[in-house]
Amino acid sequence: MPVVNWQALVLLKVYAGGPIDLRDARSIVAVQQPSPADRENLIAQAEALGVGQEVRTLLDLHS
């Protein structure tokens, strides 16, 4: 069964942008505790989707 990785799920949640989606994204990041390299990769992917600033804000909450 195919599953999505945590980075893709965070991006989907941020892109959706609803209050519950953003809460879910914050929870995922809190649990994953991404490394600096993972954070940079997530930001790069977010930039391609047009949600770079939103992801930066999300990551700043958990730094």
PDB file of N, CA and C in Angstrom:
ATOM      1  N   MET A   1       0.838  -1.158   0.000  1.00  0.00           N
ATOM      2  CA  MET A   1       0.000   0.000   0.000  1.00  0.00           C
ATOM      3  C   MET A   1       0.898   1.240   0.000  1.00  0.00           C
ATOM      4  N   PRO A   2       0.679   2.137  -0.947  1.00  0.00           N
ATOM      5  CA  PRO A   2       1.482   3.353  -0.980  1.00  0.00           C
ATOM      6  C   PRO A   2       1.131   4.292   0.179  1.00  0.00           C
ATOM      7  N   VAL A   3       2.151   4.907   0.722  1.00  0.00           N
ATOM      8  CA  VAL A   3       1.949   5.907   1.769  1.00  0.00           C
ATOM      9  C   VAL A   3       2.759   7.151   1.417  1.00  0.00           C
ATOM     10  N   VAL A   4       2.330   8.265   1.919  1.00  0.00           N
ATOM     11  CA  VAL A   4       3.006   9.532   1.658  1.00  0.00           C
ATOM     12  C   VAL A   4       4.034   9.770   2.764  1.00  0.00           C
ATOM     13  N   ASN A   5       5.171  10.391   2.403  1.00  0.00           N
ATOM     14  CA  ASN A   5       6.154  10.699   3.439  1.00  0.00           C
ATOM     15  C   ASN A   5       5.701  11.921   4.235  1.00  0.00           C
ATOM     16  N   TRP A   6       6.319  12.132   5.362  1.00  0.00           N
ATOM     17  CA  TRP A   6       5.856  13.194   6.258  1.00  0.00           C
ATOM     18  C   TRP A   6       6.000  14.578   5.631  1.00  0.00           C
ATOM     19  N   GLN A   7       7.060  14.774   4.823  1.00  0.00           N
ATOM     20  CA  GLN A   7       7.249  16.081   4.191  1.00  0.00           C
ATOM     21  C   GLN A   7       6.101  16.398   3.231  1.00  0.00           C
ATOM     22  N   ALA A   8       5.720  15.431   2.425  1.00  0.00           N
ATOM     23  CA  ALA A   8       4.628  15.634   1.477  1.00  0.00           C
ATOM     24  C   ALA A   8       3.322  15.899   2.219  1.00  0.00           C
ATOM     25  N   LEU A   9       3.113  15.217   3.318  1.00  0.00           N
ATOM     26  CA  LEU A   9       1.890  15.427   4.092  1.00  0.00           C
ATOM     27  C   LEU A   9       1.858  16.836   4.690  1.00  0.00           C
ATOM     28  N   VAL A  10       2.978  17.295   5.200  1.00  0.00           N
ATOM     29  CA  VAL A  10       3.048  18.668   5.720  1.00  0.00           C
ATOM     30  C   VAL A  10       2.741  19.658   4.607  1.00  0.00           C
ATOM     31  N   LEU A  11       3.332  19.458   3.435  1.00  0.00           N
ATOM     32  CA  LEU A  11       3.092  20.372   2.321  1.00  0.00           C
ATOM     33  C   LEU A  11       1.629  20.363   1.898  1.00  0.00           C
ATOM     34  N   LEU A  12       1.031  19.201   1.849  1.00  0.00           N
ATOM     35  CA  LEU A  12      -0.391  19.123   1.495  1.00  0.00           C
ATOM     36  C   LEU A  12      -1.255  19.858   2.514  1.00  0.00           C
ATOM     37  N   LYS A  13      -0.933  19.674   3.784  1.00  0.00           N
ATOM     38  CA  LYS A  13      -1.703  20.319   4.840  1.00  0.00           C
ATOM     39  C   LYS A  13      -1.553  21.843   4.784  1.00  0.00           C
ATOM     40  N   VAL A  14      -0.328  22.318   4.593  1.00  0.00           N
ATOM     41  CA  VAL A  14      -0.107  23.767   4.516  1.00  0.00           C
ATOM     42  C   VAL A  14      -0.782  24.337   3.275  1.00  0.00           C
ATOM     43  N   TYR A  15      -0.684  23.621   2.172  1.00  0.00           N
ATOM     44  CA  TYR A  15      -1.312  24.080   0.930  1.00  0.00           C
ATOM     45  C   TYR A  15      -2.831  24.172   1.092  1.00  0.00           C
ATOM     46  N   ALA A  16      -3.413  23.204   1.789  1.00  0.00           N
ATOM     47  CA  ALA A  16      -4.863  23.224   2.025  1.00  0.00           C
ATOM     48  C   ALA A  16      -5.233  24.445   2.861  1.00  0.00           C
ATOM     49  N   GLY A  17      -4.446  24.724   3.891  1.00  0.00           N
ATOM     50  CA  GLY A  17      -4.556  25.970   4.629  1.00  0.00           C
ATOM     51  C   GLY A  17      -5.676  26.130   5.632  1.00  0.00           C
ATOM     52  N   GLY A  18      -6.471  25.110   5.843  1.00  0.00           N
ATOM     53  CA  GLY A  18      -7.530  25.222   6.849  1.00  0.00           C
ATOM     54  C   GLY A  18      -6.959  25.162   8.249  1.00  0.00           C
ATOM     55  N   PRO A  19      -7.715  25.622   9.231  1.00  0.00           N
ATOM     56  CA  PRO A  19      -7.215  25.622  10.614  1.00  0.00           C
ATOM     57  C   PRO A  19      -6.819  24.232  11.115  1.00  0.00           C
ATOM     58  N   ILE A  20      -7.611  23.236  10.794  1.00  0.00           N
ATOM     59  CA  ILE A  20      -7.280  21.869  11.223  1.00  0.00           C
ATOM     60  C   ILE A  20      -6.074  21.353  10.455  1.00  0.00           C
ATOM     61  N   ASP A  21      -5.982  21.697   9.164  1.00  0.00           N
ATOM     62  CA  ASP A  21      -4.832  21.295   8.360  1.00  0.00           C
ATOM     63  C   ASP A  21      -3.544  21.868   8.939  1.00  0.00           C
ATOM     64  N   LEU A  22      -3.560  23.142   9.306  1.00  0.00           N
ATOM     65  CA  LEU A  22      -2.363  23.779   9.856  1.00  0.00           C
ATOM     66  C   LEU A  22      -2.002  23.201  11.221  1.00  0.00           C
ATOM     67  N   ARG A  23      -3.013  22.886  12.016  1.00  0.00           N
ATOM     68  CA  ARG A  23      -2.743  22.223  13.295  1.00  0.00           C
ATOM     69  C   ARG A  23      -2.087  20.864  13.065  1.00  0.00           C
ATOM     70  N   ASP A  24      -2.614  20.120  12.088  1.00  0.00           N
ATOM     71  CA  ASP A  24      -2.028  18.820  11.750  1.00  0.00           C
ATOM     72  C   ASP A  24      -0.576  18.978  11.304  1.00  0.00           C
ATOM     73  N   ALA A  25      -0.308  19.979  10.463  1.00  0.00           N
ATOM     74  CA  ALA A  25       1.058  20.210   9.971  1.00  0.00           C
ATOM     75  C   ALA A  25       1.992  20.522  11.132  1.00  0.00           C
ATOM     76  N   ARG A  26       1.547  21.362  12.061  1.00  0.00           N
ATOM     77  CA  ARG A  26       2.370  21.682  13.242  1.00  0.00           C
ATOM     78  C   ARG A  26       2.660  20.427  14.056  1.00  0.00           C
ATOM     79  N   SER A  27       1.659  19.586  14.208  1.00  0.00           N
ATOM     80  CA  SER A  27       1.838  18.351  14.980  1.00  0.00           C
ATOM     81  C   SER A  27       2.839  17.417  14.311  1.00  0.00           C
ATOM     82  N   ILE A  28       2.750  17.298  13.004  1.00  0.00           N
ATOM     83  CA  ILE A  28       3.672  16.423  12.272  1.00  0.00           C
ATOM     84  C   ILE A  28       5.102  16.914  12.441  1.00  0.00           C
ATOM     85  N   VAL A  29       5.310  18.217  12.280  1.00  0.00           N
ATOM     86  CA  VAL A  29       6.662  18.775  12.429  1.00  0.00           C
ATOM     87  C   VAL A  29       7.161  18.573  13.855  1.00  0.00           C
ATOM     88  N   ALA A  30       6.305  18.758  14.841  1.00  0.00           N
ATOM     89  CA  ALA A  30       6.708  18.579  16.233  1.00  0.00           C
ATOM     90  C   ALA A  30       7.153  17.149  16.502  1.00  0.00           C
ATOM     91  N   VAL A  31       6.453  16.193  15.941  1.00  0.00           N
ATOM     92  CA  VAL A  31       6.795  14.785  16.147  1.00  0.00           C
ATOM     93  C   VAL A  31       8.070  14.413  15.386  1.00  0.00           C
ATOM     94  N   GLN A  32       8.211  14.893  14.167  1.00  0.00           N
ATOM     95  CA  GLN A  32       9.350  14.526  13.324  1.00  0.00           C
ATOM     96  C   GLN A  32      10.656  15.185  13.762  1.00  0.00           C
ATOM     97  N   GLN A  33      10.584  16.376  14.328  1.00  0.00           N
ATOM     98  CA  GLN A  33      11.778  17.126  14.715  1.00  0.00           C
ATOM     99  C   GLN A  33      12.810  17.104  13.584  1.00  0.00           C
ATOM    100  N   PRO A  34      12.495  17.748  12.457  1.00  0.00           N
ATOM    101  CA  PRO A  34      13.354  17.656  11.278  1.00  0.00           C
ATOM    102  C   PRO A  34      14.751  18.235  11.495  1.00  0.00           C
ATOM    103  N   SER A  35      15.713  17.579  10.864  1.00  0.00           N
ATOM    104  CA  SER A  35      17.096  18.052  10.886  1.00  0.00           C
ATOM    105  C   SER A  35      17.193  19.328  10.058  1.00  0.00           C
ATOM    106  N   PRO A  36      18.279  20.064  10.196  1.00  0.00           N
ATOM    107  CA  PRO A  36      18.453  21.262   9.357  1.00  0.00           C
ATOM    108  C   PRO A  36      18.356  20.951   7.858  1.00  0.00           C
ATOM    109  N   ALA A  37      18.902  19.824   7.437  1.00  0.00           N
ATOM    110  CA  ALA A  37      18.824  19.452   6.017  1.00  0.00           C
ATOM    111  C   ALA A  37      17.384  19.167   5.603  1.00  0.00           C
ATOM    112  N   ASP A  38      16.641  18.486   6.459  1.00  0.00           N
ATOM    113  CA  ASP A  38      15.232  18.209   6.170  1.00  0.00           C
ATOM    114  C   ASP A  38      14.420  19.502   6.106  1.00  0.00           C
ATOM    115  N   ARG A  39      14.748  20.442   6.980  1.00  0.00           N
ATOM    116  CA  ARG A  39      14.052  21.726   6.986  1.00  0.00           C
ATOM    117  C   ARG A  39      14.293  22.477   5.677  1.00  0.00           C
ATOM    118  N   GLU A  40      15.545  22.514   5.244  1.00  0.00           N
ATOM    119  CA  GLU A  40      15.873  23.203   3.986  1.00  0.00           C
ATOM    120  C   GLU A  40      15.193  22.531   2.797  1.00  0.00           C
ATOM    121  N   ASN A  41      15.156  21.216   2.794  1.00  0.00           N
ATOM    122  CA  ASN A  41      14.491  20.469   1.723  1.00  0.00           C
ATOM    123  C   ASN A  41      12.995  20.772   1.705  1.00  0.00           C
ATOM    124  N   LEU A  42      12.387  20.806   2.867  1.00  0.00           N
ATOM    125  CA  LEU A  42      10.963  21.101   2.968  1.00  0.00           C
ATOM    126  C   LEU A  42      10.668  22.520   2.479  1.00  0.00           C
ATOM    127  N   ILE A  43      11.514  23.471   2.837  1.00  0.00           N
ATOM    128  CA  ILE A  43      11.330  24.851   2.384  1.00  0.00           C
ATOM    129  C   ILE A  43      11.462  24.936   0.870  1.00  0.00           C
ATOM    130  N   ALA A  44      12.433  24.248   0.296  1.00  0.00           N
ATOM    131  CA  ALA A  44      12.615  24.263  -1.157  1.00  0.00           C
ATOM    132  C   ALA A  44      11.383  23.702  -1.867  1.00  0.00           C
ATOM    133  N   GLN A  45      10.848  22.614  -1.351  1.00  0.00           N
ATOM    134  CA  GLN A  45       9.646  22.033  -1.948  1.00  0.00           C
ATOM    135  C   GLN A  45       8.461  22.979  -1.785  1.00  0.00           C
ATOM    136  N   ALA A  46       8.376  23.634  -0.637  1.00  0.00           N
ATOM    137  CA  ALA A  46       7.283  24.568  -0.377  1.00  0.00           C
ATOM    138  C   ALA A  46       7.354  25.763  -1.328  1.00  0.00           C
ATOM    139  N   GLU A  47       8.558  26.242  -1.592  1.00  0.00           N
ATOM    140  CA  GLU A  47       8.724  27.359  -2.529  1.00  0.00           C
ATOM    141  C   GLU A  47       8.145  26.999  -3.895  1.00  0.00           C
ATOM    142  N   ALA A  48       8.391  25.771  -4.338  1.00  0.00           N
ATOM    143  CA  ALA A  48       7.878  25.323  -5.637  1.00  0.00           C
ATOM    144  C   ALA A  48       6.349  25.307  -5.663  1.00  0.00           C
ATOM    145  N   LEU A  49       5.733  25.127  -4.511  1.00  0.00           N
ATOM    146  CA  LEU A  49       4.271  25.106  -4.416  1.00  0.00           C
ATOM    147  C   LEU A  49       3.679  26.481  -4.112  1.00  0.00           C
ATOM    148  N   GLY A  50       4.541  27.450  -3.838  1.00  0.00           N
ATOM    149  CA  GLY A  50       4.050  28.779  -3.515  1.00  0.00           C
ATOM    150  C   GLY A  50       3.647  28.966  -2.065  1.00  0.00           C
ATOM    151  N   VAL A  51       4.106  28.076  -1.197  1.00  0.00           N
ATOM    152  CA  VAL A  51       3.784  28.191   0.230  1.00  0.00           C
ATOM    153  C   VAL A  51       5.055  28.248   1.080  1.00  0.00           C
ATOM    154  N   GLY A  52       6.097  28.788   0.499  1.00  0.00           N
ATOM    155  CA  GLY A  52       7.381  28.860   1.198  1.00  0.00           C
ATOM    156  C   GLY A  52       7.310  29.630   2.500  1.00  0.00           C
ATOM    157  N   GLN A  53       6.679  30.800   2.477  1.00  0.00           N
ATOM    158  CA  GLN A  53       6.607  31.616   3.688  1.00  0.00           C
ATOM    159  C   GLN A  53       5.809  30.915   4.776  1.00  0.00           C
ATOM    160  N   GLU A  54       4.745  30.256   4.389  1.00  0.00           N
ATOM    161  CA  GLU A  54       3.924  29.546   5.369  1.00  0.00           C
ATOM    162  C   GLU A  54       4.716  28.425   6.045  1.00  0.00           C
ATOM    163  N   VAL A  55       5.509  27.709   5.258  1.00  0.00           N
ATOM    164  CA  VAL A  55       6.311  26.620   5.826  1.00  0.00           C
ATOM    165  C   VAL A  55       7.430  27.181   6.696  1.00  0.00           C
ATOM    166  N   ARG A  56       8.038  28.280   6.275  1.00  0.00           N
ATOM    167  CA  ARG A  56       9.058  28.912   7.123  1.00  0.00           C
ATOM    168  C   ARG A  56       8.463  29.297   8.479  1.00  0.00           C
ATOM    169  N   THR A  57       7.274  29.882   8.472  1.00  0.00           N
ATOM    170  CA  THR A  57       6.608  30.257   9.712  1.00  0.00           C
ATOM    171  C   THR A  57       6.341  29.024  10.563  1.00  0.00           C
ATOM    172  N   LEU A  58       5.854  27.973   9.941  1.00  0.00           N
ATOM    173  CA  LEU A  58       5.583  26.724  10.652  1.00  0.00           C
ATOM    174  C   LEU A  58       6.856  26.183  11.291  1.00  0.00           C
ATOM    175  N   LEU A  59       7.956  26.179  10.548  1.00  0.00           N
ATOM    176  CA  LEU A  59       9.209  25.652  11.072  1.00  0.00           C
ATOM    177  C   LEU A  59       9.773  26.555  12.169  1.00  0.00           C
ATOM    178  N   ASP A  60       9.575  27.856  12.056  1.00  0.00           N
ATOM    179  CA  ASP A  60      10.051  28.776  13.088  1.00  0.00           C
ATOM    180  C   ASP A  60       9.355  28.527  14.418  1.00  0.00           C
ATOM    181  N   LEU A  61       8.128  28.056  14.375  1.00  0.00           N
ATOM    182  CA  LEU A  61       7.400  27.744  15.601  1.00  0.00           C
ATOM    183  C   LEU A  61       8.017  26.567  16.337  1.00  0.00           C
ATOM    184  N   HIS A  62       8.786  25.735  15.605  1.00  0.00           N
ATOM    185  CA  HIS A  62       9.334  24.517  16.196  1.00  0.00           C
ATOM    186  C   HIS A  62      10.849  24.510  16.186  1.00  0.00           C
ATOM    187  N   SER A  63      11.456  25.669  16.233  1.00  0.00           N
ATOM    188  CA  SER A  63      12.930  25.696  16.262  1.00  0.00           C
ATOM    189  C   SER A  63      13.456  25.986  17.632  1.00  0.00           C
TER     190      SER A  63
END
